[in-house]
Amino acid sequence: MLLFELKFLEEGGYVRSSSWRAPYIFEDSPICPNFADSARPHPCSECLLLEFVPENLRDQNVPCRSIPLNEKGQTVDSLYHTATQQEIEDALREWLQREIRRIKGELRQATDS
């Protein structure tokens, strides 16, 4: 899922948004269970990104906005208030690459054991 999100980002998925508003990170991605459905019929508890959301924030309306993206604890939500779209996408790219490396490392260790 993270590899798919990285590919979506790298291929300009958020830039291509034809919406009247700036794209929402994660929510406007095909990985979102409610992608392209404004009725939002699927609860966020069905989203695979929920495992990256701190437990105490998982009951928020849009919990994926609370995923810490860097060592400063900046989240998608906090970056919406302080960063440009490019800065948000850069932070997302770095987070995705870091998490992909971490997960691949864990999988290697598990198979070596």
PDB file of N, CA and C in Angstrom:
ATOM      1  N   MET A   1       0.823  -1.183   0.000  1.00  0.00           N
ATOM      2  CA  MET A   1       0.000   0.000   0.000  1.00  0.00           C
ATOM      3  C   MET A   1       0.875   1.259   0.000  1.00  0.00           C
ATOM      4  N   LEU A   2       1.938   1.255   0.799  1.00  0.00           N
ATOM      5  CA  LEU A   2       2.817   2.423   0.840  1.00  0.00           C
ATOM      6  C   LEU A   2       3.565   2.593  -0.477  1.00  0.00           C
ATOM      7  N   LEU A   3       3.955   1.497  -1.091  1.00  0.00           N
ATOM      8  CA  LEU A   3       4.599   1.582  -2.404  1.00  0.00           C
ATOM      9  C   LEU A   3       3.639   2.176  -3.431  1.00  0.00           C
ATOM     10  N   PHE A   4       2.386   1.781  -3.366  1.00  0.00           N
ATOM     11  CA  PHE A   4       1.384   2.317  -4.282  1.00  0.00           C
ATOM     12  C   PHE A   4       1.206   3.815  -4.056  1.00  0.00           C
ATOM     13  N   GLU A   5       1.172   4.230  -2.803  1.00  0.00           N
ATOM     14  CA  GLU A   5       1.022   5.649  -2.484  1.00  0.00           C
ATOM     15  C   GLU A   5       2.232   6.442  -2.971  1.00  0.00           C
ATOM     16  N   LEU A   6       3.421   5.887  -2.807  1.00  0.00           N
ATOM     17  CA  LEU A   6       4.625   6.565  -3.288  1.00  0.00           C
ATOM     18  C   LEU A   6       4.581   6.710  -4.804  1.00  0.00           C
ATOM     19  N   LYS A   7       4.165   5.680  -5.483  1.00  0.00           N
ATOM     20  CA  LYS A   7       4.050   5.741  -6.945  1.00  0.00           C
ATOM     21  C   LYS A   7       3.018   6.796  -7.355  1.00  0.00           C
ATOM     22  N   PHE A   8       1.886   6.813  -6.679  1.00  0.00           N
ATOM     23  CA  PHE A   8       0.843   7.811  -6.942  1.00  0.00           C
ATOM     24  C   PHE A   8       1.399   9.222  -6.782  1.00  0.00           C
ATOM     25  N   LEU A   9       2.142   9.437  -5.708  1.00  0.00           N
ATOM     26  CA  LEU A   9       2.746  10.737  -5.441  1.00  0.00           C
ATOM     27  C   LEU A   9       3.765  11.097  -6.517  1.00  0.00           C
ATOM     28  N   GLU A  10       4.660  10.157  -6.833  1.00  0.00           N
ATOM     29  CA  GLU A  10       5.723  10.403  -7.808  1.00  0.00           C
ATOM     30  C   GLU A  10       5.168  10.673  -9.204  1.00  0.00           C
ATOM     31  N   GLU A  11       4.019  10.096  -9.510  1.00  0.00           N
ATOM     32  CA  GLU A  11       3.416  10.295 -10.829  1.00  0.00           C
ATOM     33  C   GLU A  11       2.513  11.525 -10.870  1.00  0.00           C
ATOM     34  N   GLY A  12       2.578  12.342  -9.815  1.00  0.00           N
ATOM     35  CA  GLY A  12       1.820  13.584  -9.802  1.00  0.00           C
ATOM     36  C   GLY A  12       0.351  13.428  -9.476  1.00  0.00           C
ATOM     37  N   GLY A  13       0.012  12.376  -8.772  1.00  0.00           N
ATOM     38  CA  GLY A  13      -1.383  12.109  -8.440  1.00  0.00           C
ATOM     39  C   GLY A  13      -2.089  13.248  -7.720  1.00  0.00           C
ATOM     40  N   TYR A  14      -1.392  13.899  -6.816  1.00  0.00           N
ATOM     41  CA  TYR A  14      -2.018  14.999  -6.095  1.00  0.00           C
ATOM     42  C   TYR A  14      -2.040  16.271  -6.929  1.00  0.00           C
ATOM     43  N   VAL A  15      -1.081  16.424  -7.805  1.00  0.00           N
ATOM     44  CA  VAL A  15      -1.022  17.608  -8.665  1.00  0.00           C
ATOM     45  C   VAL A  15      -2.119  17.564  -9.719  1.00  0.00           C
ATOM     46  N   ARG A  16      -2.436  16.359 -10.194  1.00  0.00           N
ATOM     47  CA  ARG A  16      -3.426  16.205 -11.260  1.00  0.00           C
ATOM     48  C   ARG A  16      -4.857  16.434 -10.805  1.00  0.00           C
ATOM     49  N   SER A  17      -5.050  16.626  -9.545  1.00  0.00           N
ATOM     50  CA  SER A  17      -6.402  16.815  -9.035  1.00  0.00           C
ATOM     51  C   SER A  17      -7.089  17.949  -9.788  1.00  0.00           C
ATOM     52  N   SER A  18      -8.268  17.667 -10.312  1.00  0.00           N
ATOM     53  CA  SER A  18      -9.002  18.691 -11.059  1.00  0.00           C
ATOM     54  C   SER A  18     -10.056  19.360 -10.185  1.00  0.00           C
ATOM     55  N   SER A  19      -9.939  19.129  -8.919  1.00  0.00           N
ATOM     56  CA  SER A  19     -10.899  19.684  -7.975  1.00  0.00           C
ATOM     57  C   SER A  19     -10.727  21.196  -7.844  1.00  0.00           C
ATOM     58  N   TRP A  20     -11.740  21.842  -7.327  1.00  0.00           N
ATOM     59  CA  TRP A  20     -11.707  23.284  -7.090  1.00  0.00           C
ATOM     60  C   TRP A  20     -10.880  23.629  -5.856  1.00  0.00           C
ATOM     61  N   ARG A  21     -10.498  22.624  -5.090  1.00  0.00           N
ATOM     62  CA  ARG A  21      -9.728  22.846  -3.874  1.00  0.00           C
ATOM     63  C   ARG A  21      -8.383  22.124  -3.980  1.00  0.00           C
ATOM     64  N   ALA A  22      -7.491  22.483  -3.077  1.00  0.00           N
ATOM     65  CA  ALA A  22      -6.212  21.773  -3.019  1.00  0.00           C
ATOM     66  C   ALA A  22      -6.483  20.317  -2.641  1.00  0.00           C
ATOM     67  N   PRO A  23      -5.685  19.409  -3.149  1.00  0.00           N
ATOM     68  CA  PRO A  23      -5.912  17.994  -2.841  1.00  0.00           C
ATOM     69  C   PRO A  23      -5.619  17.679  -1.379  1.00  0.00           C
ATOM     70  N   TYR A  24      -6.340  16.729  -0.849  1.00  0.00           N
ATOM     71  CA  TYR A  24      -6.117  16.249   0.506  1.00  0.00           C
ATOM     72  C   TYR A  24      -5.195  15.034   0.434  1.00  0.00           C
ATOM     73  N   ILE A  25      -4.099  15.126   1.164  1.00  0.00           N
ATOM     74  CA  ILE A  25      -3.160  14.012   1.210  1.00  0.00           C
ATOM     75  C   ILE A  25      -3.861  12.810   1.833  1.00  0.00           C
ATOM     76  N   PHE A  26      -3.657  11.666   1.277  1.00  0.00           N
ATOM     77  CA  PHE A  26      -4.256  10.381   1.628  1.00  0.00           C
ATOM     78  C   PHE A  26      -5.727  10.313   1.235  1.00  0.00           C
ATOM     79  N   GLU A  27      -6.522  11.296   1.560  1.00  0.00           N
ATOM     80  CA  GLU A  27      -7.961  11.248   1.273  1.00  0.00           C
ATOM     81  C   GLU A  27      -8.261  11.279  -0.222  1.00  0.00           C
ATOM     82  N   ASP A  28      -7.419  11.959  -1.000  1.00  0.00           N
ATOM     83  CA  ASP A  28      -7.612  12.037  -2.444  1.00  0.00           C
ATOM     84  C   ASP A  28      -6.724  11.042  -3.184  1.00  0.00           C
ATOM     85  N   SER A  29      -6.309  10.023  -2.490  1.00  0.00           N
ATOM     86  CA  SER A  29      -5.495   8.964  -3.067  1.00  0.00           C
ATOM     87  C   SER A  29      -6.336   7.708  -3.248  1.00  0.00           C
ATOM     88  N   PRO A  30      -6.048   6.928  -4.261  1.00  0.00           N
ATOM     89  CA  PRO A  30      -6.770   5.658  -4.441  1.00  0.00           C
ATOM     90  C   PRO A  30      -6.619   4.687  -3.272  1.00  0.00           C
ATOM     91  N   ILE A  31      -5.670   4.912  -2.362  1.00  0.00           N
ATOM     92  CA  ILE A  31      -5.553   4.007  -1.206  1.00  0.00           C
ATOM     93  C   ILE A  31      -6.646   4.255  -0.176  1.00  0.00           C
ATOM     94  N   CYS A  32      -7.329   5.393  -0.270  1.00  0.00           N
ATOM     95  CA  CYS A  32      -8.397   5.721   0.681  1.00  0.00           C
ATOM     96  C   CYS A  32      -9.635   4.875   0.369  1.00  0.00           C
ATOM     97  N   PRO A  33     -10.214   4.224   1.368  1.00  0.00           N
ATOM     98  CA  PRO A  33     -11.424   3.442   1.133  1.00  0.00           C
ATOM     99  C   PRO A  33     -12.588   4.286   0.583  1.00  0.00           C
ATOM    100  N   ASN A  34     -12.535   5.586   0.814  1.00  0.00           N
ATOM    101  CA  ASN A  34     -13.604   6.480   0.340  1.00  0.00           C
ATOM    102  C   ASN A  34     -13.183   7.313  -0.874  1.00  0.00           C
ATOM    103  N   PHE A  35     -12.133   6.900  -1.552  1.00  0.00           N
ATOM    104  CA  PHE A  35     -11.622   7.629  -2.710  1.00  0.00           C
ATOM    105  C   PHE A  35     -12.748   7.894  -3.715  1.00  0.00           C
ATOM    106  N   ALA A  36     -12.880   9.140  -4.099  1.00  0.00           N
ATOM    107  CA  ALA A  36     -13.842   9.586  -5.118  1.00  0.00           C
ATOM    108  C   ALA A  36     -15.302   9.331  -4.726  1.00  0.00           C
ATOM    109  N   ASP A  37     -15.557   9.243  -3.439  1.00  0.00           N
ATOM    110  CA  ASP A  37     -16.937   9.054  -2.977  1.00  0.00           C
ATOM    111  C   ASP A  37     -17.210  10.031  -1.838  1.00  0.00           C
ATOM    112  N   SER A  38     -17.822  11.141  -2.157  1.00  0.00           N
ATOM    113  CA  SER A  38     -18.071  12.191  -1.165  1.00  0.00           C
ATOM    114  C   SER A  38     -19.017  11.746  -0.056  1.00  0.00           C
ATOM    115  N   ALA A  39     -19.756  10.674  -0.274  1.00  0.00           N
ATOM    116  CA  ALA A  39     -20.665  10.163   0.760  1.00  0.00           C
ATOM    117  C   ALA A  39     -19.888   9.478   1.891  1.00  0.00           C
ATOM    118  N   ARG A  40     -18.626   9.145   1.661  1.00  0.00           N
ATOM    119  CA  ARG A  40     -17.759   8.503   2.642  1.00  0.00           C
ATOM    120  C   ARG A  40     -18.443   7.307   3.322  1.00  0.00           C
ATOM    121  N   PRO A  41     -18.828   6.302   2.536  1.00  0.00           N
ATOM    122  CA  PRO A  41     -19.560   5.169   3.110  1.00  0.00           C
ATOM    123  C   PRO A  41     -18.722   4.225   3.967  1.00  0.00           C
ATOM    124  N   HIS A  42     -17.404   4.296   3.837  1.00  0.00           N
ATOM    125  CA  HIS A  42     -16.534   3.389   4.579  1.00  0.00           C
ATOM    126  C   HIS A  42     -15.930   4.082   5.799  1.00  0.00           C
ATOM    127  N   PRO A  43     -16.001   3.452   6.951  1.00  0.00           N
ATOM    128  CA  PRO A  43     -15.378   4.062   8.138  1.00  0.00           C
ATOM    129  C   PRO A  43     -13.855   4.018   8.008  1.00  0.00           C
ATOM    130  N   CYS A  44     -13.214   4.979   8.600  1.00  0.00           N
ATOM    131  CA  CYS A  44     -11.748   5.032   8.546  1.00  0.00           C
ATOM    132  C   CYS A  44     -11.115   3.817   9.219  1.00  0.00           C
ATOM    133  N   SER A  45     -11.858   3.127  10.050  1.00  0.00           N
ATOM    134  CA  SER A  45     -11.320   1.919  10.688  1.00  0.00           C
ATOM    135  C   SER A  45     -11.004   0.837   9.650  1.00  0.00           C
ATOM    136  N   GLU A  46     -11.520   0.970   8.440  1.00  0.00           N
ATOM    137  CA  GLU A  46     -11.226   0.018   7.363  1.00  0.00           C
ATOM    138  C   GLU A  46      -9.943   0.372   6.611  1.00  0.00           C
ATOM    139  N   CYS A  47      -9.382   1.527   6.897  1.00  0.00           N
ATOM    140  CA  CYS A  47      -8.208   2.017   6.160  1.00  0.00           C
ATOM    141  C   CYS A  47      -6.932   1.386   6.709  1.00  0.00           C
ATOM    142  N   LEU A  48      -6.067   0.961   5.809  1.00  0.00           N
ATOM    143  CA  LEU A  48      -4.802   0.356   6.206  1.00  0.00           C
ATOM    144  C   LEU A  48      -3.833   1.362   6.823  1.00  0.00           C
ATOM    145  N   LEU A  49      -4.051   2.644   6.585  1.00  0.00           N
ATOM    146  CA  LEU A  49      -3.189   3.671   7.165  1.00  0.00           C
ATOM    147  C   LEU A  49      -3.410   3.847   8.664  1.00  0.00           C
ATOM    148  N   LEU A  50      -4.494   3.325   9.176  1.00  0.00           N
ATOM    149  CA  LEU A  50      -4.824   3.524  10.584  1.00  0.00           C
ATOM    150  C   LEU A  50      -3.712   3.031  11.511  1.00  0.00           C
ATOM    151  N   GLU A  51      -2.975   2.023  11.088  1.00  0.00           N
ATOM    152  CA  GLU A  51      -1.887   1.517  11.938  1.00  0.00           C
ATOM    153  C   GLU A  51      -0.777   2.544  12.149  1.00  0.00           C
ATOM    154  N   PHE A  52      -0.716   3.580  11.309  1.00  0.00           N
ATOM    155  CA  PHE A  52       0.311   4.619  11.445  1.00  0.00           C
ATOM    156  C   PHE A  52      -0.165   5.815  12.268  1.00  0.00           C
ATOM    157  N   VAL A  53      -1.431   5.816  12.620  1.00  0.00           N
ATOM    158  CA  VAL A  53      -2.023   6.894  13.415  1.00  0.00           C
ATOM    159  C   VAL A  53      -1.844   6.568  14.893  1.00  0.00           C
ATOM    160  N   PRO A  54      -1.372   7.522  15.697  1.00  0.00           N
ATOM    161  CA  PRO A  54      -1.280   7.261  17.137  1.00  0.00           C
ATOM    162  C   PRO A  54      -2.635   6.799  17.684  1.00  0.00           C
ATOM    163  N   GLU A  55      -2.595   5.818  18.568  1.00  0.00           N
ATOM    164  CA  GLU A  55      -3.837   5.212  19.079  1.00  0.00           C
ATOM    165  C   GLU A  55      -4.815   6.227  19.635  1.00  0.00           C
ATOM    166  N   ASN A  56      -4.314   7.230  20.343  1.00  0.00           N
ATOM    167  CA  ASN A  56      -5.215   8.198  20.970  1.00  0.00           C
ATOM    168  C   ASN A  56      -5.870   9.138  19.959  1.00  0.00           C
ATOM    169  N   LEU A  57      -5.488   9.067  18.680  1.00  0.00           N
ATOM    170  CA  LEU A  57      -6.062   9.938  17.654  1.00  0.00           C
ATOM    171  C   LEU A  57      -6.859   9.177  16.599  1.00  0.00           C
ATOM    172  N   ARG A  58      -7.016   7.895  16.789  1.00  0.00           N
ATOM    173  CA  ARG A  58      -7.687   7.066  15.783  1.00  0.00           C
ATOM    174  C   ARG A  58      -9.185   7.292  15.684  1.00  0.00           C
ATOM    175  N   ASP A  59      -9.770   7.945  16.666  1.00  0.00           N
ATOM    176  CA  ASP A  59     -11.219   8.180  16.619  1.00  0.00           C
ATOM    177  C   ASP A  59     -11.580   9.523  15.993  1.00  0.00           C
ATOM    178  N   GLN A  60     -10.595  10.240  15.468  1.00  0.00           N
ATOM    179  CA  GLN A  60     -10.872  11.515  14.811  1.00  0.00           C
ATOM    180  C   GLN A  60     -11.655  11.289  13.524  1.00  0.00           C
ATOM    181  N   ASN A  61     -12.278  12.356  13.030  1.00  0.00           N
ATOM    182  CA  ASN A  61     -13.062  12.263  11.808  1.00  0.00           C
ATOM    183  C   ASN A  61     -12.217  11.794  10.622  1.00  0.00           C
ATOM    184  N   VAL A  62     -10.994  12.314  10.510  1.00  0.00           N
ATOM    185  CA  VAL A  62     -10.074  11.907   9.440  1.00  0.00           C
ATOM    186  C   VAL A  62      -8.724  11.598  10.090  1.00  0.00           C
ATOM    187  N   PRO A  63      -8.586  10.397  10.649  1.00  0.00           N
ATOM    188  CA  PRO A  63      -7.390  10.080  11.421  1.00  0.00           C
ATOM    189  C   PRO A  63      -6.090  10.098  10.623  1.00  0.00           C
ATOM    190  N   CYS A  64      -6.132   9.845   9.326  1.00  0.00           N
ATOM    191  CA  CYS A  64      -4.884   9.817   8.550  1.00  0.00           C
ATOM    192  C   CYS A  64      -4.203  11.180   8.523  1.00  0.00           C
ATOM    193  N   ARG A  65      -4.925  12.232   8.803  1.00  0.00           N
ATOM    194  CA  ARG A  65      -4.309  13.566   8.869  1.00  0.00           C
ATOM    195  C   ARG A  65      -3.408  13.707  10.088  1.00  0.00           C
ATOM    196  N   SER A  66      -3.480  12.750  11.013  1.00  0.00           N
ATOM    197  CA  SER A  66      -2.702  12.811  12.256  1.00  0.00           C
ATOM    198  C   SER A  66      -1.488  11.890  12.258  1.00  0.00           C
ATOM    199  N   ILE A  67      -1.138  11.343  11.116  1.00  0.00           N
ATOM    200  CA  ILE A  67       0.045  10.496  11.028  1.00  0.00           C
ATOM    201  C   ILE A  67       1.292  11.373  11.155  1.00  0.00           C
ATOM    202  N   PRO A  68       2.147  11.115  12.132  1.00  0.00           N
ATOM    203  CA  PRO A  68       3.388  11.892  12.243  1.00  0.00           C
ATOM    204  C   PRO A  68       4.288  11.576  11.048  1.00  0.00           C
ATOM    205  N   LEU A  69       4.676  12.603  10.314  1.00  0.00           N
ATOM    206  CA  LEU A  69       5.462  12.394   9.098  1.00  0.00           C
ATOM    207  C   LEU A  69       6.963  12.555   9.293  1.00  0.00           C
ATOM    208  N   ASN A  70       7.361  13.154  10.404  1.00  0.00           N
ATOM    209  CA  ASN A  70       8.795  13.370  10.606  1.00  0.00           C
ATOM    210  C   ASN A  70       9.121  13.394  12.099  1.00  0.00           C
ATOM    211  N   GLU A  71      10.392  13.553  12.380  1.00  0.00           N
ATOM    212  CA  GLU A  71      10.861  13.536  13.772  1.00  0.00           C
ATOM    213  C   GLU A  71      10.344  14.715  14.584  1.00  0.00           C
ATOM    214  N   LYS A  72       9.919  15.777  13.916  1.00  0.00           N
ATOM    215  CA  LYS A  72       9.338  16.932  14.612  1.00  0.00           C
ATOM    216  C   LYS A  72       7.886  16.673  15.015  1.00  0.00           C
ATOM    217  N   GLY A  73       7.327  15.574  14.542  1.00  0.00           N
ATOM    218  CA  GLY A  73       5.945  15.246  14.851  1.00  0.00           C
ATOM    219  C   GLY A  73       4.940  15.956  13.959  1.00  0.00           C
ATOM    220  N   GLN A  74       5.430  16.575  12.885  1.00  0.00           N
ATOM    221  CA  GLN A  74       4.502  17.253  11.974  1.00  0.00           C
ATOM    222  C   GLN A  74       3.611  16.223  11.299  1.00  0.00           C
ATOM    223  N   THR A  75       2.366  16.568  11.183  1.00  0.00           N
ATOM    224  CA  THR A  75       1.371  15.703  10.563  1.00  0.00           C
ATOM    225  C   THR A  75       0.857  16.365   9.293  1.00  0.00           C
ATOM    226  N   VAL A  76       0.090  15.621   8.531  1.00  0.00           N
ATOM    227  CA  VAL A  76      -0.538  16.220   7.359  1.00  0.00           C
ATOM    228  C   VAL A  76      -1.362  17.431   7.796  1.00  0.00           C
ATOM    229  N   ASP A  77      -2.112  17.268   8.870  1.00  0.00           N
ATOM    230  CA  ASP A  77      -2.955  18.366   9.355  1.00  0.00           C
ATOM    231  C   ASP A  77      -2.135  19.586   9.747  1.00  0.00           C
ATOM    232  N   SER A  78      -1.065  19.404  10.493  1.00  0.00           N
ATOM    233  CA  SER A  78      -0.272  20.568  10.900  1.00  0.00           C
ATOM    234  C   SER A  78       0.402  21.212   9.692  1.00  0.00           C
ATOM    235  N   LEU A  79       0.819  20.414   8.729  1.00  0.00           N
ATOM    236  CA  LEU A  79       1.451  20.969   7.532  1.00  0.00           C
ATOM    237  C   LEU A  79       0.449  21.737   6.667  1.00  0.00           C
ATOM    238  N   TYR A  80      -0.819  21.350   6.706  1.00  0.00           N
ATOM    239  CA  TYR A  80      -1.834  22.112   5.968  1.00  0.00           C
ATOM    240  C   TYR A  80      -1.842  23.578   6.416  1.00  0.00           C
ATOM    241  N   HIS A  81      -1.498  23.824   7.672  1.00  0.00           N
ATOM    242  CA  HIS A  81      -1.540  25.174   8.235  1.00  0.00           C
ATOM    243  C   HIS A  81      -0.248  25.953   8.061  1.00  0.00           C
ATOM    244  N   THR A  82       0.857  25.247   7.759  1.00  0.00           N
ATOM    245  CA  THR A  82       2.144  25.932   7.772  1.00  0.00           C
ATOM    246  C   THR A  82       2.990  25.749   6.518  1.00  0.00           C
ATOM    247  N   ALA A  83       2.624  24.846   5.633  1.00  0.00           N
ATOM    248  CA  ALA A  83       3.507  24.500   4.517  1.00  0.00           C
ATOM    249  C   ALA A  83       2.818  24.674   3.167  1.00  0.00           C
ATOM    250  N   THR A  84       3.641  24.729   2.144  1.00  0.00           N
ATOM    251  CA  THR A  84       3.115  24.758   0.780  1.00  0.00           C
ATOM    252  C   THR A  84       2.769  23.330   0.362  1.00  0.00           C
ATOM    253  N   GLN A  85       2.053  23.203  -0.722  1.00  0.00           N
ATOM    254  CA  GLN A  85       1.723  21.870  -1.240  1.00  0.00           C
ATOM    255  C   GLN A  85       3.002  21.084  -1.530  1.00  0.00           C
ATOM    256  N   GLN A  86       3.996  21.745  -2.097  1.00  0.00           N
ATOM    257  CA  GLN A  86       5.258  21.066  -2.403  1.00  0.00           C
ATOM    258  C   GLN A  86       5.944  20.581  -1.125  1.00  0.00           C
ATOM    259  N   GLU A  87       5.948  21.392  -0.075  1.00  0.00           N
ATOM    260  CA  GLU A  87       6.562  20.988   1.191  1.00  0.00           C
ATOM    261  C   GLU A  87       5.821  19.808   1.814  1.00  0.00           C
ATOM    262  N   ILE A  88       4.508  19.815   1.688  1.00  0.00           N
ATOM    263  CA  ILE A  88       3.708  18.695   2.205  1.00  0.00           C
ATOM    264  C   ILE A  88       4.048  17.424   1.441  1.00  0.00           C
ATOM    265  N   GLU A  89       4.106  17.520   0.122  1.00  0.00           N
ATOM    266  CA  GLU A  89       4.426  16.351  -0.687  1.00  0.00           C
ATOM    267  C   GLU A  89       5.848  15.863  -0.426  1.00  0.00           C
ATOM    268  N   ASP A  90       6.779  16.765  -0.202  1.00  0.00           N
ATOM    269  CA  ASP A  90       8.149  16.369   0.130  1.00  0.00           C
ATOM    270  C   ASP A  90       8.184  15.612   1.455  1.00  0.00           C
ATOM    271  N   ALA A  91       7.468  16.111   2.460  1.00  0.00           N
ATOM    272  CA  ALA A  91       7.404  15.439   3.760  1.00  0.00           C
ATOM    273  C   ALA A  91       6.749  14.065   3.618  1.00  0.00           C
ATOM    274  N   LEU A  92       5.705  13.993   2.810  1.00  0.00           N
ATOM    275  CA  LEU A  92       5.028  12.717   2.572  1.00  0.00           C
ATOM    276  C   LEU A  92       5.970  11.736   1.891  1.00  0.00           C
ATOM    277  N   ARG A  93       6.684  12.191   0.869  1.00  0.00           N
ATOM    278  CA  ARG A  93       7.626  11.336   0.139  1.00  0.00           C
ATOM    279  C   ARG A  93       8.684  10.776   1.083  1.00  0.00           C
ATOM    280  N   GLU A  94       9.256  11.635   1.916  1.00  0.00           N
ATOM    281  CA  GLU A  94      10.283  11.186   2.860  1.00  0.00           C
ATOM    282  C   GLU A  94       9.710  10.177   3.854  1.00  0.00           C
ATOM    283  N   TRP A  95       8.496  10.432   4.345  1.00  0.00           N
ATOM    284  CA  TRP A  95       7.864   9.499   5.284  1.00  0.00           C
ATOM    285  C   TRP A  95       7.616   8.148   4.611  1.00  0.00           C
ATOM    286  N   LEU A  96       7.072   8.180   3.401  1.00  0.00           N
ATOM    287  CA  LEU A  96       6.796   6.935   2.683  1.00  0.00           C
ATOM    288  C   LEU A  96       8.081   6.140   2.468  1.00  0.00           C
ATOM    289  N   GLN A  97       9.122   6.792   2.005  1.00  0.00           N
ATOM    290  CA  GLN A  97      10.389   6.101   1.760  1.00  0.00           C
ATOM    291  C   GLN A  97      10.955   5.519   3.044  1.00  0.00           C
ATOM    292  N   ARG A  98      10.867   6.267   4.137  1.00  0.00           N
ATOM    293  CA  ARG A  98      11.374   5.798   5.428  1.00  0.00           C
ATOM    294  C   ARG A  98      10.571   4.590   5.923  1.00  0.00           C
ATOM    295  N   GLU A  99       9.262   4.652   5.842  1.00  0.00           N
ATOM    296  CA  GLU A  99       8.420   3.544   6.300  1.00  0.00           C
ATOM    297  C   GLU A  99       8.599   2.310   5.428  1.00  0.00           C
ATOM    298  N   ILE A 100       8.748   2.500   4.132  1.00  0.00           N
ATOM    299  CA  ILE A 100       8.969   1.369   3.232  1.00  0.00           C
ATOM    300  C   ILE A 100      10.288   0.680   3.581  1.00  0.00           C
ATOM    301  N   ARG A 101      11.348   1.463   3.812  1.00  0.00           N
ATOM    302  CA  ARG A 101      12.641   0.879   4.215  1.00  0.00           C
ATOM    303  C   ARG A 101      12.507   0.126   5.536  1.00  0.00           C
ATOM    304  N   ARG A 102      11.789   0.728   6.497  1.00  0.00           N
ATOM    305  CA  ARG A 102      11.625   0.092   7.808  1.00  0.00           C
ATOM    306  C   ARG A 102      10.895  -1.246   7.678  1.00  0.00           C
ATOM    307  N   ILE A 103       9.805  -1.245   6.936  1.00  0.00           N
ATOM    308  CA  ILE A 103       9.005  -2.465   6.784  1.00  0.00           C
ATOM    309  C   ILE A 103       9.787  -3.540   6.031  1.00  0.00           C
ATOM    310  N   LYS A 104      10.505  -3.144   4.979  1.00  0.00           N
ATOM    311  CA  LYS A 104      11.322  -4.117   4.244  1.00  0.00           C
ATOM    312  C   LYS A 104      12.391  -4.707   5.150  1.00  0.00           C
ATOM    313  N   GLY A 105      12.989  -3.876   6.003  1.00  0.00           N
ATOM    314  CA  GLY A 105      13.986  -4.365   6.953  1.00  0.00           C
ATOM    315  C   GLY A 105      13.385  -5.368   7.929  1.00  0.00           C
ATOM    316  N   GLU A 106      12.188  -5.069   8.424  1.00  0.00           N
ATOM    317  CA  GLU A 106      11.514  -5.987   9.348  1.00  0.00           C
ATOM    318  C   GLU A 106      11.181  -7.306   8.659  1.00  0.00           C
ATOM    319  N   LEU A 107      10.765  -7.234   7.410  1.00  0.00           N
ATOM    320  CA  LEU A 107      10.446  -8.458   6.665  1.00  0.00           C
ATOM    321  C   LEU A 107      11.698  -9.298   6.422  1.00  0.00           C
ATOM    322  N   ARG A 108      12.819  -8.634   6.121  1.00  0.00           N
ATOM    323  CA  ARG A 108      14.090  -9.345   5.941  1.00  0.00           C
ATOM    324  C   ARG A 108      14.499 -10.058   7.229  1.00  0.00           C
ATOM    325  N   GLN A 109      14.373  -9.347   8.346  1.00  0.00           N
ATOM    326  CA  GLN A 109      14.740  -9.949   9.636  1.00  0.00           C
ATOM    327  C   GLN A 109      13.838 -11.134   9.954  1.00  0.00           C
ATOM    328  N   ALA A 110      12.561 -11.009   9.648  1.00  0.00           N
ATOM    329  CA  ALA A 110      11.630 -12.099   9.939  1.00  0.00           C
ATOM    330  C   ALA A 110      11.941 -13.340   9.097  1.00  0.00           C
ATOM    331  N   THR A 111      12.327 -13.139   7.852  1.00  0.00           N
ATOM    332  CA  THR A 111      12.627 -14.279   7.001  1.00  0.00           C
ATOM    333  C   THR A 111      14.006 -14.892   7.318  1.00  0.00           C
ATOM    334  N   ASP A 112      14.903 -14.075   7.874  1.00  0.00           N
ATOM    335  CA  ASP A 112      16.225 -14.566   8.262  1.00  0.00           C
ATOM    336  C   ASP A 112      16.168 -15.371   9.561  1.00  0.00           C
ATOM    337  N   SER A 113      15.121 -15.171  10.339  1.00  0.00           N
ATOM    338  CA  SER A 113      15.020 -15.833  11.646  1.00  0.00           C
ATOM    339  C   SER A 113      14.544 -17.260  11.534  1.00  0.00           C
TER     340      SER A 113
END
